[in-house]
Amino acid sequence: MEIPILTHLAGRLGPDGADSRNAINVLTAWKILVLPGGSGTRAEVRLARRHGKPILAVLDERHAGGERDFLDFLDKHQVPRQAVRREEDWDLEPIRRFLNED
């Protein structure tokens, strides 16, 4: 789901700068679920780590081979990850546990 966030923020400090919209996304969330993505997603991960937000990366095991660069990024930033789709079944219980943890 995408929800546009229109702001006056210029983003001159880069996608993980204090004047970016990514900062709003991260700082208003109590926990961060990460799906594979590009530079904006990576900026949000860096911001979340910087601000001590709990993060869980959610992956589809069937596509993990094509996401090697993203997986390397997650490892570099020590982001825990959970495969929620294996073969044809979805397992959302790890996400429920993550969201319900104190």
C-alpha atoms as a PDB file:
ATOM      1  CA  MET A   1       0.000   0.000   0.000  1.00  0.00           C
ATOM      2  CA  GLU A   2       1.312   3.448  -0.791  1.00  0.00           C
ATOM      3  CA  ILE A   3       0.084   6.616   0.860  1.00  0.00           C
ATOM      4  CA  PRO A   4       1.521   9.856  -0.516  1.00  0.00           C
ATOM      5  CA  ILE A   5       2.879  12.206   2.124  1.00  0.00           C
ATOM      6  CA  LEU A   6       3.013  15.741   0.778  1.00  0.00           C
ATOM      7  CA  THR A   7       5.276  18.039   2.770  1.00  0.00           C
ATOM      8  CA  HIS A   8       7.329  21.174   2.463  1.00  0.00           C
ATOM      9  CA  LEU A   9      10.489  19.165   3.161  1.00  0.00           C
ATOM     10  CA  ALA A  10      13.175  19.701   0.558  1.00  0.00           C
ATOM     11  CA  GLY A  11      15.239  16.560   1.104  1.00  0.00           C
ATOM     12  CA  ARG A  12      18.473  18.460   0.449  1.00  0.00           C
ATOM     13  CA  LEU A  13      20.298  16.374   3.062  1.00  0.00           C
ATOM     14  CA  GLY A  14      19.577  13.178   1.125  1.00  0.00           C
ATOM     15  CA  PRO A  15      17.002  10.425   1.514  1.00  0.00           C
ATOM     16  CA  ASP A  16      18.118   9.610   5.062  1.00  0.00           C
ATOM     17  CA  GLY A  17      18.525  13.234   6.141  1.00  0.00           C
ATOM     18  CA  ALA A  18      16.475  15.036   8.764  1.00  0.00           C
ATOM     19  CA  ASP A  19      14.706  17.056   6.051  1.00  0.00           C
ATOM     20  CA  SER A  20      13.464  14.044   4.082  1.00  0.00           C
ATOM     21  CA  ARG A  21       9.983  12.536   4.032  1.00  0.00           C
ATOM     22  CA  ASN A  22      11.580   9.200   4.931  1.00  0.00           C
ATOM     23  CA  ALA A  23      12.327  10.676   8.361  1.00  0.00           C
ATOM     24  CA  ILE A  24       8.584  11.264   8.877  1.00  0.00           C
ATOM     25  CA  ASN A  25       7.836   7.653   7.930  1.00  0.00           C
ATOM     26  CA  VAL A  26      10.382   6.272  10.381  1.00  0.00           C
ATOM     27  CA  LEU A  27       9.994   8.654  13.299  1.00  0.00           C
ATOM     28  CA  THR A  28       6.190   8.360  13.425  1.00  0.00           C
ATOM     29  CA  ALA A  29       6.269   4.549  13.452  1.00  0.00           C
ATOM     30  CA  TRP A  30       6.697   2.486  16.602  1.00  0.00           C
ATOM     31  CA  LYS A  31       8.084  -0.497  14.665  1.00  0.00           C
ATOM     32  CA  ILE A  32       9.362  -0.866  11.106  1.00  0.00           C
ATOM     33  CA  LEU A  33       8.438  -3.711   8.740  1.00  0.00           C
ATOM     34  CA  VAL A  34      10.728  -3.689   5.726  1.00  0.00           C
ATOM     35  CA  LEU A  35       9.870  -5.172   2.353  1.00  0.00           C
ATOM     36  CA  PRO A  36      12.495  -5.453  -0.394  1.00  0.00           C
ATOM     37  CA  GLY A  37      12.926  -2.087  -2.033  1.00  0.00           C
ATOM     38  CA  GLY A  38      15.297   0.439  -3.445  1.00  0.00           C
ATOM     39  CA  SER A  39      17.081   3.538  -2.199  1.00  0.00           C
ATOM     40  CA  GLY A  40      14.087   4.938  -0.274  1.00  0.00           C
ATOM     41  CA  THR A  41      13.651   1.695   1.650  1.00  0.00           C
ATOM     42  CA  ARG A  42      17.353   1.560   2.421  1.00  0.00           C
ATOM     43  CA  ALA A  43      17.283   5.157   3.645  1.00  0.00           C
ATOM     44  CA  GLU A  44      14.391   4.273   5.955  1.00  0.00           C
ATOM     45  CA  VAL A  45      16.357   1.299   7.326  1.00  0.00           C
ATOM     46  CA  ARG A  46      19.378   3.523   8.033  1.00  0.00           C
ATOM     47  CA  LEU A  47      17.119   6.075   9.756  1.00  0.00           C
ATOM     48  CA  ALA A  48      15.399   3.371  11.805  1.00  0.00           C
ATOM     49  CA  ARG A  49      18.763   1.994  12.963  1.00  0.00           C
ATOM     50  CA  ARG A  50      19.993   5.503  13.779  1.00  0.00           C
ATOM     51  CA  HIS A  51      16.896   6.200  15.902  1.00  0.00           C
ATOM     52  CA  GLY A  52      16.719   2.792  17.585  1.00  0.00           C
ATOM     53  CA  LYS A  53      13.447   1.643  16.000  1.00  0.00           C
ATOM     54  CA  PRO A  54      12.762  -2.108  16.027  1.00  0.00           C
ATOM     55  CA  ILE A  55      12.980  -3.474  12.472  1.00  0.00           C
ATOM     56  CA  LEU A  56      11.935  -6.736  10.855  1.00  0.00           C
ATOM     57  CA  ALA A  57      12.579  -7.407   7.179  1.00  0.00           C
ATOM     58  CA  VAL A  58       9.880  -9.542   5.581  1.00  0.00           C
ATOM     59  CA  LEU A  59      10.896 -11.666   2.605  1.00  0.00           C
ATOM     60  CA  ASP A  60       9.469 -14.098   0.118  1.00  0.00           C
ATOM     61  CA  GLU A  61      11.824 -17.073   0.216  1.00  0.00           C
ATOM     62  CA  ARG A  62      11.059 -17.877  -3.438  1.00  0.00           C
ATOM     63  CA  HIS A  63      12.625 -14.592  -4.582  1.00  0.00           C
ATOM     64  CA  ALA A  64      15.568 -14.441  -2.165  1.00  0.00           C
ATOM     65  CA  GLY A  65      18.080 -15.352  -4.868  1.00  0.00           C
ATOM     66  CA  GLY A  66      17.138 -12.282  -6.885  1.00  0.00           C
ATOM     67  CA  GLU A  67      17.434 -10.038  -3.840  1.00  0.00           C
ATOM     68  CA  ARG A  68      21.050 -10.812  -2.934  1.00  0.00           C
ATOM     69  CA  ASP A  69      22.040  -7.111  -2.924  1.00  0.00           C
ATOM     70  CA  PHE A  70      19.155  -6.272  -0.576  1.00  0.00           C
ATOM     71  CA  LEU A  71      19.999  -9.222   1.694  1.00  0.00           C
ATOM     72  CA  ASP A  72      23.625  -8.051   1.858  1.00  0.00           C
ATOM     73  CA  PHE A  73      22.368  -4.577   2.821  1.00  0.00           C
ATOM     74  CA  LEU A  74      20.230  -6.078   5.621  1.00  0.00           C
ATOM     75  CA  ASP A  75      23.225  -8.053   6.900  1.00  0.00           C
ATOM     76  CA  LYS A  76      25.452  -4.962   6.841  1.00  0.00           C
ATOM     77  CA  HIS A  77      22.916  -3.052   8.950  1.00  0.00           C
ATOM     78  CA  GLN A  78      22.173  -6.053  11.195  1.00  0.00           C
ATOM     79  CA  VAL A  79      18.474  -6.134  10.368  1.00  0.00           C
ATOM     80  CA  PRO A  80      16.707  -9.343  11.395  1.00  0.00           C
ATOM     81  CA  ARG A  81      14.707 -10.927   8.640  1.00  0.00           C
ATOM     82  CA  GLN A  82      11.937 -13.450   8.362  1.00  0.00           C
ATOM     83  CA  ALA A  83      10.764 -15.360   5.326  1.00  0.00           C
ATOM     84  CA  VAL A  84       6.970 -15.309   5.426  1.00  0.00           C
ATOM     85  CA  ARG A  85       6.326 -17.189   2.218  1.00  0.00           C
ATOM     86  CA  ARG A  86       7.681 -20.624   1.560  1.00  0.00           C
ATOM     87  CA  GLU A  87       6.533 -22.416  -1.563  1.00  0.00           C
ATOM     88  CA  GLU A  88       2.810 -21.584  -1.709  1.00  0.00           C
ATOM     89  CA  ASP A  89       2.071 -20.954   1.976  1.00  0.00           C
ATOM     90  CA  TRP A  90       2.194 -17.674   3.889  1.00  0.00           C
ATOM     91  CA  ASP A  91       3.280 -17.639   7.529  1.00  0.00           C
ATOM     92  CA  LEU A  92       2.352 -14.304   9.106  1.00  0.00           C
ATOM     93  CA  GLU A  93       2.854 -15.427  12.699  1.00  0.00           C
ATOM     94  CA  PRO A  94       6.423 -13.993  12.920  1.00  0.00           C
ATOM     95  CA  ILE A  95       5.018 -10.582  11.924  1.00  0.00           C
ATOM     96  CA  ARG A  96       2.273 -10.814  14.546  1.00  0.00           C
ATOM     97  CA  ARG A  97       4.854 -11.688  17.205  1.00  0.00           C
ATOM     98  CA  PHE A  98       7.115  -8.804  16.153  1.00  0.00           C
ATOM     99  CA  LEU A  99       4.265  -6.284  16.235  1.00  0.00           C
ATOM    100  CA  ASN A 100       2.939  -7.524  19.585  1.00  0.00           C
ATOM    101  CA  GLU A 101       6.305  -7.546  21.399  1.00  0.00           C
ATOM    102  CA  ASP A 102       6.877  -4.798  23.944  1.00  0.00           C
END
